[in-house]
Amino acid sequence: MAFNGTWKADRNENYDKFMEQMGINVMKRKLAEHDNLKITIEQTGDNFHIKESSTFRTKDIDFTLGVPFEYALADGTEVSGTWELDGEMLKGKFTRKDNNKVLTTTRTMVGGELVQSFNYEGVDAKRIFKKQ
């Protein structure tokens, strides 16, 4: 339950390059870098409720560990996949519906911060969140 709480994006590492690899245009990439994203995570056993709120949208996501679900990324890209819990790390593996390429992501706690890591087509990025 370490993920429970509200988290605000603090900084990014290689996020622009990652979004470029995902095929996101330059205007959307610039907006995403300053989206003031907040994520509220509520975990109850294997069930998660996540609320993403940013300057541009608010979205509620519900999923159960190990159960496939569908999701639209902020840029509209549709994916399907699952989240698994591996020790203290949430691991997500999602397949894009438009090209069948795989996006992997993890969420882990590092020094009191929530670190979300991404990999798509060999490009790695991170978004680091501070608890509110």
N, C-alpha and C. Protein backbone atom coordinates (compact mmCIF):
# COMPACT_ATOMS: atom_id res chain seq x y z
N MET A 1 0.81 -1.20 0.00
CA MET A 1 0.00 0.00 0.00
C MET A 1 0.85 1.26 0.00
N ALA A 2 2.13 1.10 -0.26
CA ALA A 2 3.06 2.24 -0.25
C ALA A 2 2.72 3.29 -1.30
N PHE A 3 1.98 2.88 -2.33
CA PHE A 3 1.67 3.80 -3.42
C PHE A 3 0.50 4.73 -3.09
N ASN A 4 -0.29 4.38 -2.06
CA ASN A 4 -1.47 5.17 -1.72
C ASN A 4 -1.11 6.62 -1.44
N GLY A 5 -1.93 7.52 -1.97
CA GLY A 5 -1.72 8.93 -1.73
C GLY A 5 -1.84 9.73 -3.02
N THR A 6 -1.60 11.02 -2.89
CA THR A 6 -1.62 11.92 -4.05
C THR A 6 -0.19 12.35 -4.35
N TRP A 7 0.18 12.22 -5.61
CA TRP A 7 1.54 12.46 -6.06
C TRP A 7 1.53 13.51 -7.17
N LYS A 8 2.44 14.48 -7.08
CA LYS A 8 2.54 15.54 -8.10
C LYS A 8 3.85 15.40 -8.85
N ALA A 9 3.77 15.46 -10.18
CA ALA A 9 4.98 15.38 -11.01
C ALA A 9 5.95 16.47 -10.60
N ASP A 10 7.20 16.08 -10.34
CA ASP A 10 8.23 17.01 -9.90
C ASP A 10 9.27 17.26 -10.98
N ARG A 11 9.70 16.17 -11.65
CA ARG A 11 10.72 16.31 -12.69
C ARG A 11 10.67 15.09 -13.61
N ASN A 12 11.27 15.27 -14.78
CA ASN A 12 11.31 14.23 -15.81
C ASN A 12 12.75 13.97 -16.22
N GLU A 13 13.00 12.75 -16.68
CA GLU A 13 14.29 12.40 -17.26
C GLU A 13 14.05 11.75 -18.61
N ASN A 14 14.55 12.38 -19.67
CA ASN A 14 14.48 11.87 -21.04
C ASN A 14 13.03 11.71 -21.53
N TYR A 15 12.11 12.43 -20.92
CA TYR A 15 10.69 12.28 -21.23
C TYR A 15 10.35 12.76 -22.64
N ASP A 16 10.98 13.86 -23.08
CA ASP A 16 10.71 14.37 -24.42
C ASP A 16 11.13 13.35 -25.48
N LYS A 17 12.30 12.76 -25.32
CA LYS A 17 12.80 11.77 -26.28
C LYS A 17 11.89 10.54 -26.31
N PHE A 18 11.41 10.13 -25.13
CA PHE A 18 10.48 9.00 -25.04
C PHE A 18 9.19 9.32 -25.80
N MET A 19 8.62 10.51 -25.55
CA MET A 19 7.37 10.88 -26.24
C MET A 19 7.58 10.97 -27.74
N GLU A 20 8.75 11.47 -28.16
CA GLU A 20 9.06 11.52 -29.59
C GLU A 20 9.06 10.11 -30.18
N GLN A 21 9.67 9.16 -29.47
CA GLN A 21 9.71 7.77 -29.93
C GLN A 21 8.29 7.18 -30.03
N MET A 22 7.41 7.63 -29.13
CA MET A 22 6.01 7.17 -29.14
C MET A 22 5.23 7.77 -30.31
N GLY A 23 5.82 8.77 -31.00
CA GLY A 23 5.16 9.38 -32.14
C GLY A 23 4.31 10.59 -31.78
N ILE A 24 4.55 11.16 -30.60
CA ILE A 24 3.78 12.33 -30.15
C ILE A 24 4.39 13.59 -30.76
N ASN A 25 3.55 14.43 -31.35
CA ASN A 25 4.07 15.61 -32.04
C ASN A 25 4.67 16.62 -31.05
N VAL A 26 5.46 17.52 -31.59
CA VAL A 26 6.25 18.44 -30.77
C VAL A 26 5.36 19.34 -29.89
N MET A 27 4.21 19.78 -30.40
CA MET A 27 3.34 20.64 -29.60
C MET A 27 2.81 19.88 -28.37
N LYS A 28 2.35 18.67 -28.58
CA LYS A 28 1.85 17.87 -27.46
C LYS A 28 2.96 17.52 -26.49
N ARG A 29 4.17 17.31 -26.99
CA ARG A 29 5.31 17.02 -26.10
C ARG A 29 5.61 18.21 -25.21
N LYS A 30 5.61 19.41 -25.78
CA LYS A 30 5.89 20.61 -24.99
C LYS A 30 4.81 20.83 -23.92
N LEU A 31 3.56 20.59 -24.28
CA LEU A 31 2.47 20.72 -23.31
C LEU A 31 2.61 19.68 -22.20
N ALA A 32 2.96 18.45 -22.56
CA ALA A 32 3.06 17.37 -21.58
C ALA A 32 4.17 17.63 -20.57
N GLU A 33 5.22 18.31 -20.97
CA GLU A 33 6.31 18.60 -20.05
C GLU A 33 5.88 19.55 -18.93
N HIS A 34 4.79 20.27 -19.14
CA HIS A 34 4.32 21.24 -18.15
C HIS A 34 2.84 21.00 -17.82
N ASP A 35 2.46 19.72 -17.69
CA ASP A 35 1.06 19.38 -17.50
C ASP A 35 0.60 19.42 -16.05
N ASN A 36 1.52 19.65 -15.09
CA ASN A 36 1.17 19.68 -13.66
C ASN A 36 0.41 18.42 -13.23
N LEU A 37 0.84 17.27 -13.75
CA LEU A 37 0.15 16.01 -13.48
C LEU A 37 0.14 15.65 -12.00
N LYS A 38 -1.04 15.29 -11.52
CA LYS A 38 -1.21 14.74 -10.18
C LYS A 38 -1.83 13.36 -10.34
N ILE A 39 -1.33 12.41 -9.59
CA ILE A 39 -1.87 11.06 -9.60
C ILE A 39 -2.29 10.72 -8.18
N THR A 40 -3.54 10.32 -8.02
CA THR A 40 -4.02 9.83 -6.72
C THR A 40 -4.22 8.33 -6.84
N ILE A 41 -3.54 7.59 -5.97
CA ILE A 41 -3.57 6.12 -6.02
C ILE A 41 -4.25 5.60 -4.76
N GLU A 42 -5.23 4.74 -4.97
CA GLU A 42 -5.89 4.05 -3.86
C GLU A 42 -5.82 2.56 -4.14
N GLN A 43 -5.08 1.83 -3.30
CA GLN A 43 -4.94 0.39 -3.45
C GLN A 43 -5.71 -0.31 -2.35
N THR A 44 -6.54 -1.27 -2.72
CA THR A 44 -7.25 -2.13 -1.78
C THR A 44 -6.99 -3.57 -2.23
N GLY A 45 -6.06 -4.24 -1.58
CA GLY A 45 -5.70 -5.58 -2.01
C GLY A 45 -5.11 -5.55 -3.41
N ASP A 46 -5.70 -6.32 -4.33
CA ASP A 46 -5.24 -6.36 -5.71
C ASP A 46 -5.91 -5.33 -6.60
N ASN A 47 -6.82 -4.54 -6.04
CA ASN A 47 -7.57 -3.56 -6.83
C ASN A 47 -6.98 -2.16 -6.65
N PHE A 48 -6.89 -1.45 -7.77
CA PHE A 48 -6.35 -0.10 -7.78
C PHE A 48 -7.37 0.85 -8.40
N HIS A 49 -7.47 2.03 -7.80
CA HIS A 49 -8.21 3.14 -8.40
C HIS A 49 -7.20 4.28 -8.51
N ILE A 50 -7.02 4.77 -9.73
CA ILE A 50 -6.07 5.85 -9.96
C ILE A 50 -6.80 7.00 -10.64
N LYS A 51 -6.59 8.19 -10.10
CA LYS A 51 -7.14 9.40 -10.71
C LYS A 51 -5.96 10.22 -11.20
N GLU A 52 -5.95 10.48 -12.49
CA GLU A 52 -4.92 11.32 -13.10
C GLU A 52 -5.57 12.67 -13.38
N SER A 53 -4.97 13.73 -12.87
CA SER A 53 -5.50 15.06 -13.18
C SER A 53 -4.33 15.96 -13.58
N SER A 54 -4.56 16.67 -14.68
CA SER A 54 -3.52 17.57 -15.18
C SER A 54 -4.19 18.84 -15.68
N THR A 55 -3.40 19.72 -16.22
CA THR A 55 -3.90 20.95 -16.80
C THR A 55 -4.90 20.64 -17.91
N PHE A 56 -4.75 19.49 -18.57
CA PHE A 56 -5.49 19.20 -19.79
C PHE A 56 -6.61 18.17 -19.66
N ARG A 57 -6.56 17.32 -18.64
CA ARG A 57 -7.60 16.30 -18.53
C ARG A 57 -7.61 15.68 -17.13
N THR A 58 -8.74 15.06 -16.82
CA THR A 58 -8.86 14.26 -15.61
C THR A 58 -9.41 12.91 -16.04
N LYS A 59 -8.80 11.85 -15.52
CA LYS A 59 -9.20 10.50 -15.93
C LYS A 59 -9.14 9.58 -14.73
N ASP A 60 -10.15 8.73 -14.59
CA ASP A 60 -10.18 7.70 -13.55
C ASP A 60 -9.87 6.36 -14.20
N ILE A 61 -9.00 5.59 -13.56
CA ILE A 61 -8.60 4.28 -14.06
C ILE A 61 -8.78 3.28 -12.93
N ASP A 62 -9.47 2.19 -13.22
CA ASP A 62 -9.62 1.11 -12.26
C ASP A 62 -9.05 -0.15 -12.88
N PHE A 63 -8.23 -0.86 -12.11
CA PHE A 63 -7.71 -2.13 -12.60
C PHE A 63 -7.43 -3.06 -11.43
N THR A 64 -7.36 -4.34 -11.76
CA THR A 64 -7.00 -5.38 -10.81
C THR A 64 -5.70 -6.00 -11.28
N LEU A 65 -4.77 -6.20 -10.35
CA LEU A 65 -3.48 -6.79 -10.72
C LEU A 65 -3.69 -8.08 -11.51
N GLY A 66 -2.97 -8.21 -12.63
CA GLY A 66 -3.00 -9.41 -13.44
C GLY A 66 -4.18 -9.54 -14.38
N VAL A 67 -5.12 -8.59 -14.34
CA VAL A 67 -6.30 -8.66 -15.20
C VAL A 67 -6.16 -7.64 -16.33
N PRO A 68 -6.18 -8.10 -17.60
CA PRO A 68 -6.04 -7.18 -18.73
C PRO A 68 -7.14 -6.11 -18.74
N PHE A 69 -6.75 -4.90 -19.14
CA PHE A 69 -7.71 -3.81 -19.30
C PHE A 69 -7.24 -2.89 -20.41
N GLU A 70 -8.14 -2.02 -20.87
CA GLU A 70 -7.83 -1.08 -21.95
C GLU A 70 -7.76 0.32 -21.37
N TYR A 71 -6.92 1.16 -22.03
CA TYR A 71 -6.64 2.49 -21.51
C TYR A 71 -6.22 3.37 -22.66
N ALA A 72 -6.56 4.66 -22.60
CA ALA A 72 -6.10 5.64 -23.59
C ALA A 72 -5.10 6.56 -22.91
N LEU A 73 -3.90 6.65 -23.49
CA LEU A 73 -2.88 7.54 -22.97
C LEU A 73 -3.32 8.99 -23.17
N ALA A 74 -2.62 9.93 -22.55
CA ALA A 74 -3.00 11.34 -22.61
C ALA A 74 -3.08 11.87 -24.04
N ASP A 75 -2.26 11.32 -24.95
CA ASP A 75 -2.27 11.78 -26.34
C ASP A 75 -3.33 11.07 -27.17
N GLY A 76 -4.10 10.17 -26.55
CA GLY A 76 -5.16 9.45 -27.25
C GLY A 76 -4.77 8.06 -27.72
N THR A 77 -3.49 7.70 -27.61
CA THR A 77 -3.03 6.36 -28.01
C THR A 77 -3.73 5.31 -27.15
N GLU A 78 -4.36 4.34 -27.81
CA GLU A 78 -5.06 3.29 -27.08
C GLU A 78 -4.14 2.09 -26.88
N VAL A 79 -4.16 1.58 -25.65
CA VAL A 79 -3.33 0.42 -25.30
C VAL A 79 -4.18 -0.58 -24.51
N SER A 80 -3.69 -1.81 -24.46
CA SER A 80 -4.29 -2.80 -23.58
C SER A 80 -3.16 -3.57 -22.92
N GLY A 81 -3.39 -3.97 -21.67
CA GLY A 81 -2.34 -4.69 -20.96
C GLY A 81 -2.69 -4.91 -19.52
N THR A 82 -1.66 -5.19 -18.72
CA THR A 82 -1.87 -5.51 -17.31
C THR A 82 -0.80 -4.86 -16.45
N TRP A 83 -1.15 -4.71 -15.18
CA TRP A 83 -0.21 -4.34 -14.13
C TRP A 83 -0.01 -5.57 -13.25
N GLU A 84 1.22 -5.81 -12.82
CA GLU A 84 1.56 -6.88 -11.88
C GLU A 84 2.35 -6.25 -10.74
N LEU A 85 2.28 -6.87 -9.57
CA LEU A 85 3.08 -6.42 -8.44
C LEU A 85 4.24 -7.40 -8.28
N ASP A 86 5.46 -6.87 -8.37
CA ASP A 86 6.67 -7.68 -8.23
C ASP A 86 7.43 -7.14 -7.03
N GLY A 87 7.20 -7.73 -5.87
CA GLY A 87 7.80 -7.20 -4.64
C GLY A 87 7.21 -5.84 -4.34
N GLU A 88 8.05 -4.82 -4.35
CA GLU A 88 7.62 -3.44 -4.07
C GLU A 88 7.43 -2.63 -5.35
N MET A 89 7.45 -3.30 -6.51
CA MET A 89 7.37 -2.59 -7.78
C MET A 89 6.12 -3.00 -8.56
N LEU A 90 5.41 -1.99 -9.07
CA LEU A 90 4.32 -2.24 -10.01
C LEU A 90 4.91 -2.28 -11.41
N LYS A 91 4.62 -3.35 -12.15
CA LYS A 91 5.13 -3.49 -13.51
C LYS A 91 3.96 -3.57 -14.48
N GLY A 92 3.97 -2.68 -15.46
CA GLY A 92 2.93 -2.66 -16.48
C GLY A 92 3.49 -3.01 -17.83
N LYS A 93 2.72 -3.80 -18.58
CA LYS A 93 3.10 -4.15 -19.96
C LYS A 93 1.86 -3.92 -20.81
N PHE A 94 1.99 -3.00 -21.76
CA PHE A 94 0.85 -2.58 -22.57
C PHE A 94 1.20 -2.65 -24.05
N THR A 95 0.24 -3.10 -24.84
CA THR A 95 0.40 -3.20 -26.28
C THR A 95 -0.44 -2.12 -26.94
N ARG A 96 0.20 -1.36 -27.82
CA ARG A 96 -0.53 -0.32 -28.55
C ARG A 96 -1.48 -0.98 -29.54
N LYS A 97 -2.69 -0.43 -29.64
CA LYS A 97 -3.68 -0.99 -30.56
C LYS A 97 -3.39 -0.60 -32.01
N ASP A 98 -2.70 0.54 -32.22
CA ASP A 98 -2.47 1.00 -33.59
C ASP A 98 -1.33 0.29 -34.29
N ASN A 99 -0.34 -0.22 -33.54
CA ASN A 99 0.82 -0.83 -34.21
C ASN A 99 1.33 -2.10 -33.52
N ASN A 100 0.68 -2.54 -32.46
CA ASN A 100 1.05 -3.75 -31.71
C ASN A 100 2.43 -3.69 -31.06
N LYS A 101 3.01 -2.50 -30.93
CA LYS A 101 4.29 -2.36 -30.24
C LYS A 101 4.06 -2.26 -28.73
N VAL A 102 5.06 -2.68 -27.97
CA VAL A 102 4.90 -2.81 -26.52
C VAL A 102 5.51 -1.62 -25.78
N LEU A 103 4.75 -1.10 -24.83
CA LEU A 103 5.18 -0.06 -23.90
C LEU A 103 5.25 -0.73 -22.54
N THR A 104 6.41 -0.63 -21.88
CA THR A 104 6.52 -1.13 -20.52
C THR A 104 6.70 0.05 -19.58
N THR A 105 6.18 -0.10 -18.38
CA THR A 105 6.28 0.95 -17.38
C THR A 105 6.35 0.33 -16.00
N THR A 106 7.03 0.99 -15.09
CA THR A 106 7.09 0.53 -13.71
C THR A 106 6.81 1.72 -12.80
N ARG A 107 6.29 1.41 -11.62
CA ARG A 107 6.16 2.41 -10.56
C ARG A 107 6.80 1.82 -9.33
N THR A 108 7.70 2.59 -8.73
CA THR A 108 8.39 2.14 -7.52
C THR A 108 8.66 3.32 -6.62
N MET A 109 8.87 3.04 -5.36
CA MET A 109 9.19 4.08 -4.38
C MET A 109 10.71 4.15 -4.23
N VAL A 110 11.26 5.36 -4.37
CA VAL A 110 12.69 5.58 -4.19
C VAL A 110 12.87 6.82 -3.33
N GLY A 111 13.38 6.63 -2.13
CA GLY A 111 13.63 7.77 -1.23
C GLY A 111 12.41 8.62 -0.96
N GLY A 112 11.24 7.99 -0.82
CA GLY A 112 10.02 8.73 -0.54
C GLY A 112 9.35 9.35 -1.75
N GLU A 113 9.92 9.13 -2.93
CA GLU A 113 9.33 9.63 -4.17
C GLU A 113 8.78 8.46 -4.97
N LEU A 114 7.76 8.74 -5.77
CA LEU A 114 7.20 7.76 -6.69
C LEU A 114 7.90 7.95 -8.03
N VAL A 115 8.58 6.90 -8.48
CA VAL A 115 9.30 6.98 -9.75
C VAL A 115 8.58 6.10 -10.76
N GLN A 116 8.12 6.72 -11.85
CA GLN A 116 7.49 5.96 -12.93
C GLN A 116 8.48 5.95 -14.08
N SER A 117 8.88 4.74 -14.47
CA SER A 117 9.83 4.55 -15.57
C SER A 117 9.09 4.00 -16.77
N PHE A 118 9.53 4.39 -17.95
CA PHE A 118 8.91 3.96 -19.20
C PHE A 118 9.98 3.41 -20.14
N ASN A 119 9.58 2.47 -21.00
CA ASN A 119 10.43 2.03 -22.10
C ASN A 119 9.54 1.77 -23.30
N TYR A 120 9.94 2.36 -24.43
CA TYR A 120 9.24 2.12 -25.69
C TYR A 120 10.26 2.10 -26.80
N GLU A 121 10.35 0.97 -27.49
CA GLU A 121 11.25 0.85 -28.64
C GLU A 121 12.68 1.27 -28.30
N GLY A 122 13.16 0.86 -27.14
CA GLY A 122 14.55 1.11 -26.75
C GLY A 122 14.83 2.46 -26.11
N VAL A 123 13.81 3.30 -25.94
CA VAL A 123 14.01 4.61 -25.31
C VAL A 123 13.42 4.56 -23.89
N ASP A 124 14.26 4.89 -22.91
CA ASP A 124 13.86 4.91 -21.51
C ASP A 124 13.60 6.34 -21.04
N ALA A 125 12.65 6.48 -20.12
CA ALA A 125 12.37 7.80 -19.52
C ALA A 125 11.83 7.57 -18.12
N LYS A 126 11.84 8.66 -17.34
CA LYS A 126 11.29 8.61 -15.98
C LYS A 126 10.51 9.88 -15.70
N ARG A 127 9.47 9.71 -14.88
CA ARG A 127 8.77 10.85 -14.27
C ARG A 127 8.83 10.61 -12.77
N ILE A 128 9.28 11.60 -12.03
CA ILE A 128 9.43 11.48 -10.59
C ILE A 128 8.37 12.37 -9.93
N PHE A 129 7.65 11.78 -8.97
CA PHE A 129 6.54 12.44 -8.29
C PHE A 129 6.84 12.59 -6.81
N LYS A 130 6.43 13.72 -6.23
CA LYS A 130 6.53 13.96 -4.80
C LYS A 130 5.15 13.85 -4.18
N LYS A 131 5.10 13.28 -2.97
CA LYS A 131 3.83 13.12 -2.27
C LYS A 131 3.30 14.48 -1.84
N GLN A 132 2.01 14.67 -1.99
CA GLN A 132 1.35 15.93 -1.63
C GLN A 132 0.87 15.87 -0.20
